[in-house]
């Protein structure tokens, strides 16, 4: 096939990849893709087709790299439906954070130069890093993100073609038709005709399946979220997580539960506009940390666990860093949670929402949107029953976000994010690390002064000091956030938010 294999692949251990391919090992699903040079098709390691001969395959670290090399996705194993490339798969922290920003839509309306600027490097250097670690450029990754989501919508929903196109981020129907035909070799209508049975429609909800790498302790995640649910905004009930959302100025709701196959979560999105579906899916992936590779993380941590950490890791298989729908919402929650219990912080958040949130009527107890930065920047937050100093911190945080002097991300690294957050009066190391851990998805964030962590690592004795915890945690880099979640697990919901 002309063009197939024309780009050099990133270095992968071909022998290991081929063994995983021959055994259809699910642990490697999404971690590499196989291009078959004789057919011009690329597949997942779990593809049910007979394994090709070793001399006829080439391996790629991500689907976009295979597509850049001229390969088309397999119709049997559907590579676009594989679990996403982990944002930390490569050795480059810049690539990891760049992937996260692309997943948040940084290149949907922005330029490569703007993305590189957020990461603190030049656009040429950014492109070189992506090619070195992933075998594809940032623009190719962004294109693949839109393309694969469009394919998912064709397969899993009955949305009209025009709504599929705009929901996947295409600027026109013509661009949508051309891109899918070029990538899949068939028109969108033909692709839909080949689909499996779609998820059953549920009124006005669009139902999507979100893949992950097992294991995932979804029930433990629900317990964590239930303990921190903000009344009126969030609800955990009947094995599902629900919340109000606002995308593009339109209010809606989402509901997430575990799929029957043990490899997908089921998302039911009720949005004012299907154009928000891609953003909603990406945010839900971040809430439940679906890009994580739990077996790899557990393997890395086993080498340095020791007697203090080992039992916690064994009791929390498939632990994930539970994230947040919105970074500002989580940051406010962290400030309100300073020096109070989890239940106390949830109560304060509920009062804040009732006083300053936007009322909506979405059923199931979902009555408000979380207050915007503009709404809180000048609000009398003391009215919810918090000290004046903490209310001032909430207002200062809201003003900084509203006027864009503070960007809530970790594009330039954990240390930079913590330092910027600590410039807000009233935000210290614990609050900043907690925000970085849950709102930014930083795998190495670690609030060492957290009382729950200090107790958990004390082995039944007096709580360790923050300095002692910090020294122990050095051995757990770069996965300290996962360690924190594992140690917090047996404390839910009675732990304190901070110390």
Protein backbone atom coordinates (compact mmCIF):
# COMPACT_ATOMS: atom_id res chain seq x y z
CA UNK A 1 0.00 0.00 0.00
CA UNK A 2 1.39 3.39 -0.95
CA UNK A 3 2.34 5.33 2.15
CA UNK A 4 2.02 2.47 4.62
CA UNK A 5 5.07 2.34 6.85
CA UNK A 6 6.52 5.49 5.29
CA UNK A 7 7.06 7.11 8.71
CA UNK A 8 9.56 5.54 11.12
CA UNK A 9 7.84 4.16 14.23
CA UNK A 10 8.76 5.12 17.76
CA UNK A 11 11.03 2.58 19.43
CA UNK A 12 8.92 -0.25 20.88
CA UNK A 13 10.05 -3.65 22.06
CA UNK A 14 8.92 -5.57 18.98
CA UNK A 15 9.39 -8.99 20.56
CA UNK A 16 7.21 -8.10 23.56
CA UNK A 17 4.61 -6.45 21.36
CA UNK A 18 4.39 -9.47 19.07
CA UNK A 19 3.98 -11.86 22.03
CA UNK A 20 1.16 -9.68 23.37
CA UNK A 21 -0.40 -9.64 19.90
CA UNK A 22 -0.22 -13.44 19.56
CA UNK A 23 -1.84 -13.96 22.98
CA UNK A 24 -4.38 -11.12 22.55
CA UNK A 25 -3.36 -9.88 26.00
CA UNK A 26 -5.96 -7.30 27.15
CA UNK A 27 -3.38 -5.66 29.43
CA UNK A 28 -1.77 -4.17 26.33
CA UNK A 29 -4.97 -2.93 24.71
CA UNK A 30 -4.41 0.71 23.74
CA UNK A 31 -0.73 0.68 24.71
CA UNK A 32 0.40 -0.07 21.16
CA UNK A 33 -1.13 -0.69 17.73
CA UNK A 34 -0.08 -3.11 15.02
CA UNK A 35 0.26 -2.06 11.39
CA UNK A 36 0.07 -4.93 8.88
CA UNK A 37 2.24 -3.99 5.92
CA UNK A 38 0.59 -6.44 3.51
CA UNK A 39 -2.91 -5.04 4.00
CA UNK A 40 -2.36 -1.41 5.09
CA UNK A 41 -4.61 -2.01 8.13
CA UNK A 42 -3.76 -1.31 11.77
CA UNK A 43 -5.22 -3.22 14.72
CA UNK A 44 -5.40 -3.46 18.50
CA UNK A 45 -3.45 -6.23 20.28
CA UNK A 46 -6.80 -7.88 21.09
CA UNK A 47 -7.97 -8.11 17.47
CA UNK A 48 -9.80 -11.44 16.85
CA UNK A 49 -8.27 -11.81 13.37
CA UNK A 50 -5.48 -14.38 12.96
CA UNK A 51 -2.13 -12.92 13.94
CA UNK A 52 -0.07 -11.83 10.94
CA UNK A 53 3.48 -13.05 10.37
CA UNK A 54 6.13 -11.20 12.35
CA UNK A 55 7.89 -9.88 9.25
CA UNK A 56 4.63 -8.26 8.09
CA UNK A 57 3.94 -6.09 11.14
CA UNK A 58 5.14 -2.78 12.47
CA UNK A 59 4.23 -1.33 15.89
CA UNK A 60 3.01 2.14 16.79
CA UNK A 61 2.55 3.76 20.22
CA UNK A 62 -0.74 5.44 19.32
CA UNK A 63 -3.46 5.27 16.69
CA UNK A 64 -2.58 8.68 15.28
CA UNK A 65 0.94 7.47 14.47
CA UNK A 66 -0.46 4.52 12.53
CA UNK A 67 -2.83 6.80 10.61
CA UNK A 68 -0.04 9.26 9.84
CA UNK A 69 1.89 6.33 8.36
CA UNK A 70 -0.99 5.63 5.99
CA UNK A 71 -2.72 2.73 7.75
CA UNK A 72 -6.50 2.42 8.04
CA UNK A 73 -8.26 1.15 11.18
CA UNK A 74 -9.38 -2.46 11.30
CA UNK A 75 -13.14 -2.99 10.95
CA UNK A 76 -13.13 -5.96 13.33
CA UNK A 77 -11.27 -4.70 16.40
CA UNK A 78 -12.10 -0.99 15.95
CA UNK A 79 -8.82 0.66 17.11
CA UNK A 80 -10.61 3.95 17.68
CA UNK A 81 -12.59 2.25 20.48
CA UNK A 82 -9.49 1.19 22.43
CA UNK A 83 -8.68 2.72 25.82
CA UNK A 84 -6.93 6.04 25.27
CA UNK A 85 -3.17 6.43 25.17
CA UNK A 86 -2.11 7.11 28.77
CA UNK A 87 -1.00 10.72 29.13
CA UNK A 88 2.08 9.51 31.00
CA UNK A 89 3.05 6.68 28.64
CA UNK A 90 6.09 8.45 27.24
CA UNK A 91 9.07 9.66 29.23
CA UNK A 92 8.44 13.30 28.41
CA UNK A 93 6.49 15.33 30.96
CA UNK A 94 5.86 17.94 28.27
CA UNK A 95 4.24 15.33 26.02
CA UNK A 96 2.14 14.05 28.93
CA UNK A 97 0.77 17.50 29.69
CA UNK A 98 0.40 18.33 26.02
CA UNK A 99 -1.77 15.25 25.55
CA UNK A 100 -3.96 16.29 28.44
CA UNK A 101 -4.44 19.78 26.98
CA UNK A 102 -5.25 18.32 23.56
CA UNK A 103 -7.80 16.10 25.27
CA UNK A 104 -9.32 19.24 26.78
CA UNK A 105 -9.68 20.73 23.29
CA UNK A 106 -6.63 23.04 23.21
CA UNK A 107 -6.24 22.53 19.44
CA UNK A 108 -9.94 22.56 18.56
CA UNK A 109 -10.00 26.33 18.39
CA UNK A 110 -6.39 27.19 19.24
CA UNK A 111 -3.12 26.97 17.37
CA UNK A 112 -0.03 24.85 17.85
CA UNK A 113 1.91 27.98 18.82
CA UNK A 114 -0.63 28.74 21.56
CA UNK A 115 -0.43 25.18 22.88
CA UNK A 116 3.37 25.30 22.90
CA UNK A 117 3.26 28.65 24.70
CA UNK A 118 1.10 27.19 27.45
CA UNK A 119 3.64 24.40 27.83
CA UNK A 120 6.53 26.87 27.93
CA UNK A 121 8.37 25.72 24.79
CA UNK A 122 8.48 26.53 21.08
CA UNK A 123 6.13 24.92 18.59
CA UNK A 124 8.96 23.20 16.68
CA UNK A 125 10.31 21.67 19.87
CA UNK A 126 6.82 20.51 20.83
CA UNK A 127 6.33 18.83 17.47
CA UNK A 128 9.75 17.12 17.76
CA UNK A 129 8.90 15.80 21.23
CA UNK A 130 5.56 14.39 20.07
CA UNK A 131 7.15 12.70 17.06
CA UNK A 132 9.92 11.26 19.23
CA UNK A 133 7.65 9.85 21.94
CA UNK A 134 4.40 9.11 20.10
CA UNK A 135 5.30 9.02 16.43
CA UNK A 136 2.66 11.64 15.57
CA UNK A 137 2.39 15.41 15.72
CA UNK A 138 0.09 17.29 18.12
CA UNK A 139 -2.16 18.22 15.21
CA UNK A 140 -2.41 14.56 14.20
CA UNK A 141 -3.39 13.60 17.75
CA UNK A 142 -6.08 16.31 17.78
CA UNK A 143 -7.37 15.17 14.40
CA UNK A 144 -7.49 11.54 15.57
CA UNK A 145 -9.40 12.62 18.69
CA UNK A 146 -12.15 14.20 16.57
CA UNK A 147 -12.14 11.40 14.01
CA UNK A 148 -12.43 8.60 16.56
CA UNK A 149 -15.18 10.34 18.49
CA UNK A 150 -17.14 10.79 15.27
CA UNK A 151 -16.78 7.05 14.60
CA UNK A 152 -18.02 6.32 18.12
CA UNK A 153 -21.09 8.51 17.63
CA UNK A 154 -21.86 6.83 14.31
CA UNK A 155 -21.63 3.42 15.94
CA UNK A 156 -23.31 4.03 19.30
CA UNK A 157 -25.99 6.67 18.64
CA UNK A 158 -28.73 7.55 16.20
CA UNK A 159 -27.77 11.22 16.05
CA UNK A 160 -28.23 12.82 12.60
CA UNK A 161 -25.07 13.13 10.53
CA UNK A 162 -24.92 16.89 10.95
CA UNK A 163 -25.05 16.58 14.74
CA UNK A 164 -22.37 13.88 14.70
CA UNK A 165 -20.11 16.13 12.64
CA UNK A 166 -20.40 19.17 14.89
CA UNK A 167 -20.34 17.13 18.11
CA UNK A 168 -16.98 15.69 17.01
CA UNK A 169 -15.57 19.15 16.35
CA UNK A 170 -15.70 19.28 12.54
CA UNK A 171 -16.29 22.71 11.07
CA UNK A 172 -18.48 21.55 8.19
CA UNK A 173 -20.33 18.52 6.86
CA UNK A 174 -18.05 18.51 3.83
CA UNK A 175 -14.92 18.33 6.02
CA UNK A 176 -16.56 15.58 8.08
CA UNK A 177 -17.45 13.48 5.03
CA UNK A 178 -14.03 13.91 3.41
CA UNK A 179 -12.04 13.11 6.56
CA UNK A 180 -13.98 9.96 7.45
CA UNK A 181 -13.87 8.66 3.89
CA UNK A 182 -10.11 9.30 3.70
CA UNK A 183 -9.44 7.60 7.04
CA UNK A 184 -11.89 4.69 6.98
CA UNK A 185 -12.29 4.17 3.25
CA UNK A 186 -16.08 4.56 3.42
CA UNK A 187 -18.63 7.32 3.77
CA UNK A 188 -20.14 8.09 7.19
CA UNK A 189 -23.47 6.60 6.10
CA UNK A 190 -21.80 3.37 5.01
CA UNK A 191 -19.90 3.19 8.30
CA UNK A 192 -23.13 3.58 10.25
CA UNK A 193 -24.75 0.85 8.20
CA UNK A 194 -22.00 -1.54 9.35
CA UNK A 195 -22.34 -0.74 13.02
CA UNK A 196 -23.23 -3.09 15.82
CA UNK A 197 -26.51 -2.47 17.64
CA UNK A 198 -26.34 1.00 19.23
CA UNK A 199 -26.90 1.60 22.92
CA UNK A 200 -30.66 1.88 23.46
CA UNK A 201 -31.88 5.46 23.45
CA UNK A 202 -33.19 6.76 26.76
CA UNK A 203 -35.45 9.71 26.12
CA UNK A 204 -33.34 12.77 25.50
CA UNK A 205 -30.11 11.12 26.74
CA UNK A 206 -27.21 10.22 24.45
CA UNK A 207 -25.64 6.98 25.67
CA UNK A 208 -21.91 6.37 25.16
CA UNK A 209 -19.47 3.70 26.29
CA UNK A 210 -16.11 4.89 27.68
CA UNK A 211 -13.34 2.29 27.61
CA UNK A 212 -10.77 1.74 30.36
CA UNK A 213 -8.05 -0.74 31.28
CA UNK A 214 -9.21 -3.10 34.05
CA UNK A 215 -9.15 -3.31 36.96
CA UNK A 216 -11.23 -0.33 38.03
CA UNK A 217 -12.78 -0.24 41.51
CA UNK A 218 -15.82 1.76 40.46
CA UNK A 219 -17.65 1.12 43.71
CA UNK A 220 -14.77 2.58 45.74
CA UNK A 221 -14.78 5.57 43.42
CA UNK A 222 -18.49 6.08 44.02
CA UNK A 223 -17.93 5.97 47.79
CA UNK A 224 -15.27 8.65 47.47
CA UNK A 225 -17.48 10.85 45.31
CA UNK A 226 -20.57 10.24 47.46
CA UNK A 227 -18.76 11.46 50.56
CA UNK A 228 -17.86 14.67 48.72
CA UNK A 229 -21.03 15.20 46.71
CA UNK A 230 -22.35 18.78 46.70
CA UNK A 231 -26.08 18.86 47.35
CA UNK A 232 -28.02 20.16 44.37
CA UNK A 233 -25.05 19.66 42.00
CA UNK A 234 -24.02 16.03 42.49
CA UNK A 235 -25.69 12.80 43.51
CA UNK A 236 -24.49 9.23 43.98
CA UNK A 237 -27.32 6.73 44.10
CA UNK A 238 -28.17 3.30 42.75
CA UNK A 239 -24.64 2.57 41.53
CA UNK A 240 -24.44 5.77 39.46
CA UNK A 241 -22.84 9.21 39.66
CA UNK A 242 -24.97 12.13 38.48
CA UNK A 243 -24.39 15.86 38.31
CA UNK A 244 -25.42 19.10 36.68
CA UNK A 245 -23.17 20.48 33.94
CA UNK A 246 -22.88 23.57 31.80
CA UNK A 247 -21.23 23.46 28.37
CA UNK A 248 -21.35 26.33 25.93
CA UNK A 249 -23.64 28.28 28.23
CA UNK A 250 -26.29 25.52 28.22
CA UNK A 251 -27.26 23.54 31.30
CA UNK A 252 -27.60 19.78 31.31
CA UNK A 253 -26.78 16.68 33.29
CA UNK A 254 -24.68 13.54 33.08
CA UNK A 255 -25.04 10.09 34.62
CA UNK A 256 -22.24 7.51 34.82
CA UNK A 257 -22.40 3.85 35.81
CA UNK A 258 -20.29 0.78 35.27
CA UNK A 259 -20.92 -1.25 32.14
CA UNK A 260 -21.78 -4.94 32.28
CA UNK A 261 -18.62 -6.02 30.43
CA UNK A 262 -16.16 -4.75 33.05
CA UNK A 263 -14.22 -2.74 30.49
CA UNK A 264 -16.47 0.30 29.92
CA UNK A 265 -18.32 2.96 31.82
CA UNK A 266 -21.71 3.98 30.46
CA UNK A 267 -22.27 7.73 30.11
CA UNK A 268 -25.76 9.14 29.70
CA UNK A 269 -25.53 12.78 28.70
CA UNK A 270 -28.48 15.13 28.61
CA UNK A 271 -27.11 18.35 27.15
CA UNK A 272 -28.68 21.39 25.62
CA UNK A 273 -26.59 20.85 22.48
CA UNK A 274 -24.95 17.67 21.09
CA UNK A 275 -21.90 19.81 20.28
CA UNK A 276 -20.94 19.42 23.95
CA UNK A 277 -20.72 15.63 23.81
CA UNK A 278 -16.98 15.39 23.14
CA UNK A 279 -16.19 17.74 26.01
CA UNK A 280 -18.55 15.86 28.32
CA UNK A 281 -16.96 12.51 27.45
CA UNK A 282 -13.44 13.85 28.03
CA UNK A 283 -14.40 15.35 31.39
CA UNK A 284 -15.97 12.10 32.55
CA UNK A 285 -12.81 10.26 31.52
CA UNK A 286 -10.85 12.63 33.75
CA UNK A 287 -13.23 12.28 36.71
CA UNK A 288 -12.71 8.51 36.73
CA UNK A 289 -9.09 8.58 35.47
CA UNK A 290 -9.89 6.24 32.58
CA UNK A 291 -6.55 6.80 30.82
CA UNK A 292 -4.64 5.22 33.70
CA UNK A 293 -2.82 1.90 33.39
CA UNK A 294 -3.41 0.46 36.88
CA UNK A 295 -1.35 -2.70 36.39
CA UNK A 296 1.70 -0.69 35.35
CA UNK A 297 1.27 1.71 38.27
CA UNK A 298 0.86 -1.14 40.75
CA UNK A 299 3.93 -2.89 39.33
CA UNK A 300 6.05 0.25 39.67
CA UNK A 301 4.88 0.89 43.23
CA UNK A 302 5.39 -2.69 44.39
CA UNK A 303 9.14 -2.17 44.10
CA UNK A 304 9.09 0.62 46.69
CA UNK A 305 5.93 -0.04 48.69
CA UNK A 306 7.44 -1.28 51.94
CA UNK A 307 5.44 -2.35 55.02
CA UNK A 308 3.68 1.02 55.36
CA UNK A 309 2.25 1.14 51.85
CA UNK A 310 1.97 -2.50 50.74
CA UNK A 311 -1.29 -3.34 52.58
CA UNK A 312 -3.01 -0.18 51.28
CA UNK A 313 -2.07 -1.02 47.69
CA UNK A 314 -3.26 -4.61 48.02
CA UNK A 315 -6.59 -3.44 49.44
CA UNK A 316 -7.16 -0.99 46.57
CA UNK A 317 -6.67 -2.83 43.25
CA UNK A 318 -7.39 -0.64 40.27
CA UNK A 319 -7.09 2.55 42.32
CA UNK A 320 -7.63 5.72 40.29
CA UNK A 321 -7.06 9.39 41.02
CA UNK A 322 -10.66 10.58 41.19
CA UNK A 323 -10.82 13.92 39.39
CA UNK A 324 -13.39 16.67 39.01
CA UNK A 325 -15.77 17.96 36.37
CA UNK A 326 -14.49 21.52 36.75
CA UNK A 327 -11.17 22.77 38.11
CA UNK A 328 -12.61 25.94 39.64
CA UNK A 329 -15.34 23.99 41.43
CA UNK A 330 -12.74 21.62 42.90
CA UNK A 331 -10.47 24.50 43.90
CA UNK A 332 -13.30 26.18 45.82
CA UNK A 333 -14.13 22.85 47.44
CA UNK A 334 -10.50 22.50 48.56
CA UNK A 335 -10.51 25.96 50.14
CA UNK A 336 -13.79 25.29 51.96
CA UNK A 337 -12.37 21.98 53.14
CA UNK A 338 -9.40 23.49 54.95
CA UNK A 339 -9.35 22.26 58.56
CA UNK A 340 -12.81 20.64 58.40
CA UNK A 341 -14.10 17.12 57.87
CA UNK A 342 -15.22 15.75 54.51
CA UNK A 343 -18.84 15.96 55.65
CA UNK A 344 -18.33 19.52 56.88
CA UNK A 345 -16.82 20.60 53.57
CA UNK A 346 -19.72 19.02 51.68
CA UNK A 347 -22.19 20.92 53.85
CA UNK A 348 -20.41 24.21 53.17
CA UNK A 349 -20.37 23.51 49.43
CA UNK A 350 -24.10 22.84 49.51
CA UNK A 351 -24.71 26.15 51.26
CA UNK A 352 -22.52 27.95 48.74
CA UNK A 353 -24.45 26.46 45.84
CA UNK A 354 -27.83 27.27 47.37
CA UNK A 355 -26.78 30.88 47.99
CA UNK A 356 -24.86 31.70 44.81
CA UNK A 357 -25.45 28.91 42.26
CA UNK A 358 -27.70 29.15 39.23
CA UNK A 359 -31.02 27.32 39.77
CA UNK A 360 -31.93 24.63 37.22
CA UNK A 361 -34.65 22.00 37.13
CA UNK A 362 -33.19 18.67 36.01
CA UNK A 363 -34.86 16.17 38.34
CA UNK A 364 -33.33 13.62 40.74
CA UNK A 365 -32.39 16.36 43.19
CA UNK A 366 -30.18 18.18 40.67
CA UNK A 367 -31.25 21.76 41.28
CA UNK A 368 -28.27 24.06 40.72
CA UNK A 369 -25.18 24.74 38.67
CA UNK A 370 -22.05 25.41 40.71
CA UNK A 371 -21.39 29.17 41.08
CA UNK A 372 -19.17 30.71 38.40
CA UNK A 373 -15.98 32.65 39.20
CA UNK A 374 -17.80 35.89 38.35
CA UNK A 375 -20.60 35.03 40.78
CA UNK A 376 -18.20 34.42 43.67
CA UNK A 377 -15.67 37.18 43.00
CA UNK A 378 -17.69 39.78 44.92
CA UNK A 379 -20.02 37.52 46.91
CA UNK A 380 -20.47 37.74 50.68
CA UNK A 381 -19.23 34.19 51.20
CA UNK A 382 -19.23 34.58 54.99
CA UNK A 383 -23.01 34.14 54.77
CA UNK A 384 -22.52 30.35 54.47
CA UNK A 385 -20.86 30.22 57.90
CA UNK A 386 -17.11 30.31 57.23
CA UNK A 387 -14.45 32.57 58.76
CA UNK A 388 -13.76 35.90 57.07
CA UNK A 389 -10.25 34.85 56.06
CA UNK A 390 -11.49 31.77 54.24
CA UNK A 391 -14.23 33.76 52.54
CA UNK A 392 -11.58 36.22 51.36
CA UNK A 393 -9.59 33.31 49.89
CA UNK A 394 -12.64 32.10 47.95
CA UNK A 395 -13.21 35.61 46.57
CA UNK A 396 -9.51 36.07 45.71
CA UNK A 397 -9.44 32.72 43.91
CA UNK A 398 -12.63 33.58 42.00
CA UNK A 399 -11.30 37.02 40.98
CA UNK A 400 -7.99 35.56 39.77
CA UNK A 401 -9.79 32.96 37.63
CA UNK A 402 -12.41 35.42 36.37
CA UNK A 403 -9.86 37.99 35.24
CA UNK A 404 -7.57 35.25 33.86
CA UNK A 405 -4.56 36.11 35.99
CA UNK A 406 -4.69 32.50 37.25
CA UNK A 407 -5.05 29.62 34.80
CA UNK A 408 -6.19 26.45 36.51
CA UNK A 409 -3.94 23.87 34.89
CA UNK A 410 -0.51 22.29 35.28
CA UNK A 411 0.68 22.86 31.73
CA UNK A 412 4.17 23.84 32.91
CA UNK A 413 4.48 21.20 35.57
CA UNK A 414 3.46 20.40 39.12
CA UNK A 415 5.90 22.77 40.82
CA UNK A 416 4.79 25.69 38.65
CA UNK A 417 1.11 24.93 39.30
CA UNK A 418 1.62 24.72 43.06
CA UNK A 419 3.62 27.94 43.11
CA UNK A 420 0.94 29.84 41.14
CA UNK A 421 -1.85 28.55 43.38
CA UNK A 422 0.08 29.50 46.51
CA UNK A 423 0.17 33.11 45.32
CA UNK A 424 -3.55 33.30 46.16
CA UNK A 425 -3.80 34.51 49.78
CA UNK A 426 -4.96 31.67 51.97
CA UNK A 427 -3.88 28.82 49.67
CA UNK A 428 -0.97 26.80 50.99
CA UNK A 429 0.90 23.65 50.00
CA UNK A 430 -1.83 21.21 51.08
CA UNK A 431 -4.61 23.01 49.20
CA UNK A 432 -2.44 23.50 46.11
CA UNK A 433 -1.40 19.83 45.94
CA UNK A 434 -4.97 18.66 46.51
CA UNK A 435 -6.13 20.84 43.62
CA UNK A 436 -3.29 19.61 41.41
CA UNK A 437 -4.10 16.01 42.30
CA UNK A 438 -7.83 16.07 41.63
CA UNK A 439 -8.42 19.02 39.28
CA UNK A 440 -5.26 18.85 37.14
CA UNK A 441 -4.76 15.07 37.18
CA UNK A 442 -1.11 15.41 38.22
CA UNK A 443 0.03 11.83 38.98
CA UNK A 444 2.80 12.98 41.33
CA UNK A 445 0.84 15.56 43.37
CA UNK A 446 0.97 14.69 47.05
CA UNK A 447 -0.41 16.77 49.97
CA UNK A 448 2.15 15.56 52.51
CA UNK A 449 0.62 17.55 55.39
CA UNK A 450 -2.77 15.84 55.01
CA UNK A 451 -3.86 14.48 58.38
CA UNK A 452 -5.35 11.33 56.85
CA UNK A 453 -2.07 10.48 55.10
CA UNK A 454 -0.04 11.22 58.23
CA UNK A 455 -2.26 8.85 60.24
CA UNK A 456 -2.34 6.12 57.59
CA UNK A 457 1.45 6.01 57.39
CA UNK A 458 1.93 6.01 61.16
CA UNK A 459 1.00 2.36 61.55
CA UNK A 460 -1.32 2.99 64.47
CA UNK A 461 1.01 5.36 66.31
CA UNK A 462 1.01 9.12 66.55
CA UNK A 463 0.58 10.83 63.16
CA UNK A 464 3.82 11.35 61.30
CA UNK A 465 4.98 14.87 60.58
CA UNK A 466 4.55 16.32 57.11
CA UNK A 467 8.32 16.23 56.69
CA UNK A 468 8.43 12.51 57.55
CA UNK A 469 5.62 11.77 55.10
CA UNK A 470 7.38 13.80 52.42
CA UNK A 471 10.59 11.82 52.87
CA UNK A 472 8.76 8.49 52.64
CA UNK A 473 6.91 9.62 49.54
CA UNK A 474 10.09 10.32 47.58
CA UNK A 475 10.31 6.59 46.86
CA UNK A 476 6.85 6.63 45.30
CA UNK A 477 7.49 9.11 42.50
CA UNK A 478 6.05 9.59 39.91
CA UNK A 479 2.85 7.95 41.25
CA UNK A 480 2.41 9.72 44.60
CA UNK A 481 -1.15 10.80 43.77
CA UNK A 482 -2.15 7.13 43.40
CA UNK A 483 -0.53 6.37 46.73
CA UNK A 484 -2.56 9.17 48.34
CA UNK A 485 -5.79 7.74 46.93
CA UNK A 486 -4.92 4.23 48.15
CA UNK A 487 -4.12 5.50 51.64
CA UNK A 488 -7.31 7.58 51.77
CA UNK A 489 -9.41 4.59 50.70
CA UNK A 490 -10.00 2.99 54.15
CA UNK A 491 -10.60 6.44 55.68
CA UNK A 492 -13.65 7.36 53.56
CA UNK A 493 -15.86 9.07 54.48
CA UNK A 494 -14.56 9.96 57.93
CA UNK A 495 -11.27 11.55 56.94
CA UNK A 496 -10.59 15.22 57.20
CA UNK A 497 -10.05 17.25 54.05
CA UNK A 498 -6.75 18.60 55.36
CA UNK A 499 -4.77 19.49 58.42
